[in-house]
Amino acid sequence: MNDLFDALKLVTFPIHKEGYKFILIFALLTAILSLMSSTLGLIGLVLTLWCVFFFRDPERVIPVEENVIVSPADGVITRVEYSVEAPEDLGYGNKKFNKISVFLNVFNVHVNRAPISGTVVKINYKPGKFLSANAEDASSENERNSVIVRTADGTEVIFVQVAGLVARRIICDLEEGQQVATGERYGIIRFGSRADIYLPENIEIKSLLGQTMIGGETVIAKL
């Protein structure tokens, strides 16, 4: 058990608040396993440290340039789709958007950040399936939480937390009517997931398919 505490002392990055209960559970499990076998204790230690790593919440250098939209999450852009409709439950009808999907694997930082400053005009949680986050219909079929932010000039940007095969819990800390700033932390998706962002068609996309994104830092588009 002392080895566990010594290892945790080496952690220098912030931990997201959602991670503490999981870390505690793994730590207690490690203590029990250590009494049974040093090998089992070592396995528990590795799992505990992995849990700490998963829930890390590092600071980010948010762009100071105005009128930029940053990635809402760490990961890789797996889809860039043009002239598509937003999720039906958001009420945009046949209005078209350009959509960018960022896939998060279990090794990425899973804290989500607001891609743009503005007013939160709508939050919509929708229960659903837990298909692979890479699946083509994950955006419409999976559990998801959508946030619509309206900028000072009236532009509306939609960003969506999408659950995946492993991710079974979406956390969103925003409220309707709240002001949010570019790069501000707003939630987390636990254990693997995807983030979709829907942009008006007139917005210039500045990112590429396959590009690695850093949430709150990497510019994904420009107004």
Protein backbone atom coordinates (compact mmCIF):
# COMPACT_ATOMS: atom_id res chain seq x y z
CA MET A 1 0.00 0.00 0.00
CA ASN A 2 2.91 2.34 0.72
CA ASP A 3 4.07 1.81 -2.87
CA LEU A 4 0.70 3.10 -4.06
CA PHE A 5 0.92 6.30 -2.03
CA ASP A 6 4.53 6.83 -3.09
CA ALA A 7 3.47 6.49 -6.73
CA LEU A 8 0.55 8.89 -6.32
CA LYS A 9 2.90 11.51 -4.85
CA LEU A 10 4.58 11.66 -8.26
CA VAL A 11 1.37 12.88 -9.91
CA THR A 12 1.90 16.53 -10.86
CA PHE A 13 -1.13 17.14 -13.09
CA PRO A 14 -4.65 18.05 -11.87
CA ILE A 15 -7.25 15.30 -11.60
CA HIS A 16 -10.83 15.87 -12.73
CA LYS A 17 -13.31 15.76 -9.85
CA GLU A 18 -15.18 12.84 -11.47
CA GLY A 19 -12.07 10.68 -11.10
CA TYR A 20 -11.61 10.74 -7.34
CA LYS A 21 -14.22 8.11 -6.50
CA PHE A 22 -12.84 5.72 -9.11
CA ILE A 23 -9.29 6.25 -7.89
CA LEU A 24 -10.43 5.58 -4.31
CA ILE A 25 -12.19 2.36 -5.34
CA PHE A 26 -9.11 1.12 -7.20
CA ALA A 27 -6.86 2.11 -4.29
CA LEU A 28 -8.99 0.19 -1.79
CA LEU A 29 -9.06 -2.79 -4.13
CA THR A 30 -5.28 -2.61 -4.41
CA ALA A 31 -4.95 -2.66 -0.61
CA ILE A 32 -7.12 -5.77 -0.39
CA LEU A 33 -5.29 -7.52 -3.23
CA SER A 34 -1.93 -6.70 -1.64
CA LEU A 35 -2.95 -8.67 1.45
CA MET A 36 -3.66 -11.67 -0.75
CA SER A 37 -0.66 -11.57 -3.06
CA SER A 38 2.11 -9.16 -4.02
CA THR A 39 1.43 -9.95 -7.68
CA LEU A 40 -2.26 -9.10 -7.33
CA GLY A 41 -1.28 -5.97 -5.44
CA LEU A 42 0.99 -4.93 -8.30
CA ILE A 43 -1.84 -5.45 -10.79
CA GLY A 44 -4.09 -3.31 -8.62
CA LEU A 45 -1.42 -0.61 -8.42
CA VAL A 46 -1.11 -0.51 -12.20
CA LEU A 47 -4.89 -0.20 -12.57
CA THR A 48 -5.01 2.57 -9.98
CA LEU A 49 -2.27 4.52 -11.73
CA TRP A 50 -4.05 4.03 -15.05
CA CYS A 51 -7.22 5.45 -13.48
CA VAL A 52 -5.25 8.49 -12.27
CA PHE A 53 -3.83 8.89 -15.77
CA PHE A 54 -7.25 8.60 -17.40
CA PHE A 55 -8.82 11.34 -15.26
CA ARG A 56 -5.95 13.79 -15.66
CA ASP A 57 -7.04 17.34 -16.36
CA PRO A 58 -4.04 19.33 -17.60
CA GLU A 59 -4.07 23.07 -18.16
CA ARG A 60 -4.29 24.21 -21.77
CA VAL A 61 -2.96 27.22 -23.66
CA ILE A 62 -6.14 28.73 -25.10
CA PRO A 63 -5.68 30.79 -28.29
CA VAL A 64 -5.91 34.55 -27.73
CA GLU A 65 -6.95 35.19 -31.32
CA GLU A 66 -10.59 36.23 -31.64
CA ASN A 67 -13.17 34.48 -33.82
CA VAL A 68 -11.55 31.05 -33.61
CA ILE A 69 -13.26 27.79 -32.72
CA VAL A 70 -11.14 25.25 -30.85
CA SER A 71 -11.48 21.50 -30.59
CA PRO A 72 -13.88 20.42 -27.82
CA ALA A 73 -11.76 17.38 -27.02
CA ASP A 74 -8.42 15.64 -27.38
CA GLY A 75 -8.28 12.97 -30.06
CA VAL A 76 -8.13 12.45 -33.80
CA ILE A 77 -10.49 13.83 -36.43
CA THR A 78 -12.13 10.76 -37.93
CA ARG A 79 -14.87 12.45 -39.94
CA VAL A 80 -15.34 15.75 -41.76
CA GLU A 81 -18.80 15.95 -43.34
CA TYR A 82 -20.25 18.81 -45.33
CA SER A 83 -23.86 19.94 -45.67
CA VAL A 84 -25.40 17.55 -43.13
CA GLU A 85 -28.34 17.99 -40.78
CA ALA A 86 -27.95 18.40 -37.03
CA PRO A 87 -29.48 15.75 -34.73
CA GLU A 88 -33.25 15.77 -35.19
CA ASP A 89 -33.93 16.37 -31.50
CA LEU A 90 -32.28 19.82 -31.67
CA GLY A 91 -35.04 21.26 -33.84
CA TYR A 92 -33.03 22.65 -36.76
CA GLY A 93 -35.10 20.82 -39.36
CA ASN A 94 -33.44 20.71 -42.78
CA LYS A 95 -30.84 23.38 -42.00
CA LYS A 96 -27.39 22.25 -43.11
CA PHE A 97 -24.15 22.27 -41.16
CA ASN A 98 -20.58 21.12 -41.61
CA LYS A 99 -19.73 18.45 -39.06
CA ILE A 100 -16.39 17.45 -37.56
CA SER A 101 -16.00 14.34 -35.38
CA VAL A 102 -13.13 13.87 -32.92
CA PHE A 103 -12.58 10.32 -31.64
CA LEU A 104 -11.14 9.88 -28.15
CA ASN A 105 -9.41 6.63 -27.25
CA VAL A 106 -8.89 5.51 -23.65
CA PHE A 107 -5.46 7.17 -23.53
CA ASN A 108 -6.69 10.67 -24.45
CA VAL A 109 -7.65 13.35 -21.94
CA HIS A 110 -11.42 13.01 -21.65
CA VAL A 111 -12.24 16.44 -20.22
CA ASN A 112 -14.34 18.40 -22.71
CA ARG A 113 -13.86 22.11 -23.39
CA ALA A 114 -16.14 24.72 -24.93
CA PRO A 115 -15.07 25.38 -28.53
CA ILE A 116 -16.29 28.98 -28.59
CA SER A 117 -17.43 31.82 -26.32
CA GLY A 118 -21.08 32.72 -26.08
CA THR A 119 -24.37 32.00 -24.35
CA VAL A 120 -25.62 28.46 -23.80
CA VAL A 121 -29.07 28.56 -25.41
CA LYS A 122 -29.91 24.86 -25.29
CA ILE A 123 -28.74 21.64 -23.66
CA ASN A 124 -30.32 18.39 -24.76
CA TYR A 125 -29.50 14.97 -23.31
CA LYS A 126 -30.72 11.94 -25.24
CA PRO A 127 -30.41 8.34 -24.03
CA GLY A 128 -29.37 5.85 -26.67
CA LYS A 129 -27.26 2.89 -27.68
CA PHE A 130 -23.58 2.28 -27.03
CA LEU A 131 -22.29 1.52 -30.51
CA SER A 132 -18.62 2.01 -31.29
CA ALA A 133 -17.92 5.75 -31.30
CA ASN A 134 -16.41 5.29 -34.76
CA ALA A 135 -19.63 3.85 -36.17
CA GLU A 136 -21.27 5.93 -38.90
CA ASP A 137 -24.60 6.16 -37.07
CA ALA A 138 -23.15 6.72 -33.58
CA SER A 139 -24.08 10.41 -33.77
CA SER A 140 -27.77 9.62 -34.14
CA GLU A 141 -28.09 6.31 -32.27
CA ASN A 142 -25.80 6.57 -29.24
CA GLU A 143 -26.35 8.23 -25.89
CA ARG A 144 -25.38 11.87 -26.33
CA ASN A 145 -25.54 15.33 -24.84
CA SER A 146 -25.83 18.33 -27.17
CA VAL A 147 -24.98 21.94 -26.30
CA ILE A 148 -25.86 24.93 -28.48
CA VAL A 149 -23.90 28.14 -27.93
CA ARG A 150 -24.85 31.45 -29.54
CA THR A 151 -22.03 33.94 -30.06
CA ALA A 152 -22.32 37.73 -29.71
CA ASP A 153 -23.00 38.07 -33.46
CA GLY A 154 -25.78 35.44 -33.38
CA THR A 155 -23.81 32.50 -34.81
CA GLU A 156 -24.90 29.18 -33.31
CA VAL A 157 -22.41 26.34 -32.85
CA ILE A 158 -23.45 22.87 -31.72
CA PHE A 159 -21.12 20.55 -29.85
CA VAL A 160 -22.09 17.05 -28.83
CA GLN A 161 -20.68 14.54 -26.34
CA VAL A 162 -21.26 11.06 -27.76
CA ALA A 163 -20.92 7.88 -25.69
CA GLY A 164 -19.13 4.86 -27.15
CA LEU A 165 -18.68 1.14 -26.48
CA VAL A 166 -16.93 1.71 -23.17
CA ALA A 167 -18.07 5.22 -22.28
CA ARG A 168 -21.30 4.89 -20.33
CA ARG A 169 -21.50 8.19 -18.52
CA ILE A 170 -21.66 11.69 -19.94
CA ILE A 171 -21.12 14.61 -17.57
CA CYS A 172 -22.06 18.18 -18.58
CA ASP A 173 -21.60 21.01 -16.07
CA LEU A 174 -23.25 23.74 -18.15
CA GLU A 175 -26.70 25.27 -17.70
CA GLU A 176 -28.94 27.02 -20.20
CA GLY A 177 -28.46 30.78 -20.10
CA GLN A 178 -24.89 30.46 -18.84
CA GLN A 179 -22.02 32.39 -20.41
CA VAL A 180 -19.15 30.16 -21.49
CA ALA A 181 -15.64 31.08 -22.65
CA THR A 182 -13.55 29.49 -25.39
CA GLY A 183 -11.55 26.59 -23.96
CA GLU A 184 -13.48 26.51 -20.69
CA ARG A 185 -13.94 23.05 -19.16
CA TYR A 186 -17.56 22.00 -19.38
CA GLY A 187 -17.73 18.24 -18.86
CA ILE A 188 -16.22 14.80 -19.31
CA ILE A 189 -17.09 11.50 -20.98
CA ARG A 190 -15.81 8.50 -19.08
CA PHE A 191 -13.78 5.73 -20.73
CA GLY A 192 -13.63 6.29 -24.48
CA SER A 193 -15.94 8.40 -26.62
CA ARG A 194 -16.43 10.93 -29.41
CA ALA A 195 -17.08 14.65 -29.73
CA ASP A 196 -19.03 16.08 -32.67
CA ILE A 197 -19.16 19.75 -33.59
CA TYR A 198 -21.66 21.22 -36.07
CA LEU A 199 -20.69 24.49 -37.73
CA PRO A 200 -22.70 26.81 -40.00
CA GLU A 201 -21.71 26.22 -43.63
CA ASN A 202 -20.17 29.67 -44.00
CA ILE A 203 -17.55 29.01 -41.29
CA GLU A 204 -14.05 28.21 -42.55
CA ILE A 205 -12.77 24.81 -41.39
CA LYS A 206 -9.08 24.96 -40.44
CA SER A 207 -8.52 21.29 -39.58
CA LEU A 208 -7.98 18.12 -41.59
CA LEU A 209 -9.15 14.52 -41.52
CA GLY A 210 -6.70 12.49 -39.44
CA GLN A 211 -5.35 15.52 -37.59
CA THR A 212 -4.55 15.13 -33.88
CA MET A 213 -6.43 17.64 -31.76
CA ILE A 214 -5.76 19.10 -28.32
CA GLY A 215 -8.97 20.14 -26.59
CA GLY A 216 -9.15 23.84 -25.85
CA GLU A 217 -5.99 24.55 -27.88
CA THR A 218 -6.13 23.33 -31.47
CA VAL A 219 -8.07 25.62 -33.79
CA ILE A 220 -10.71 23.61 -35.59
CA ALA A 221 -12.40 26.45 -37.53
CA LYS A 222 -12.58 30.22 -37.86
CA LEU A 223 -15.56 32.54 -37.98
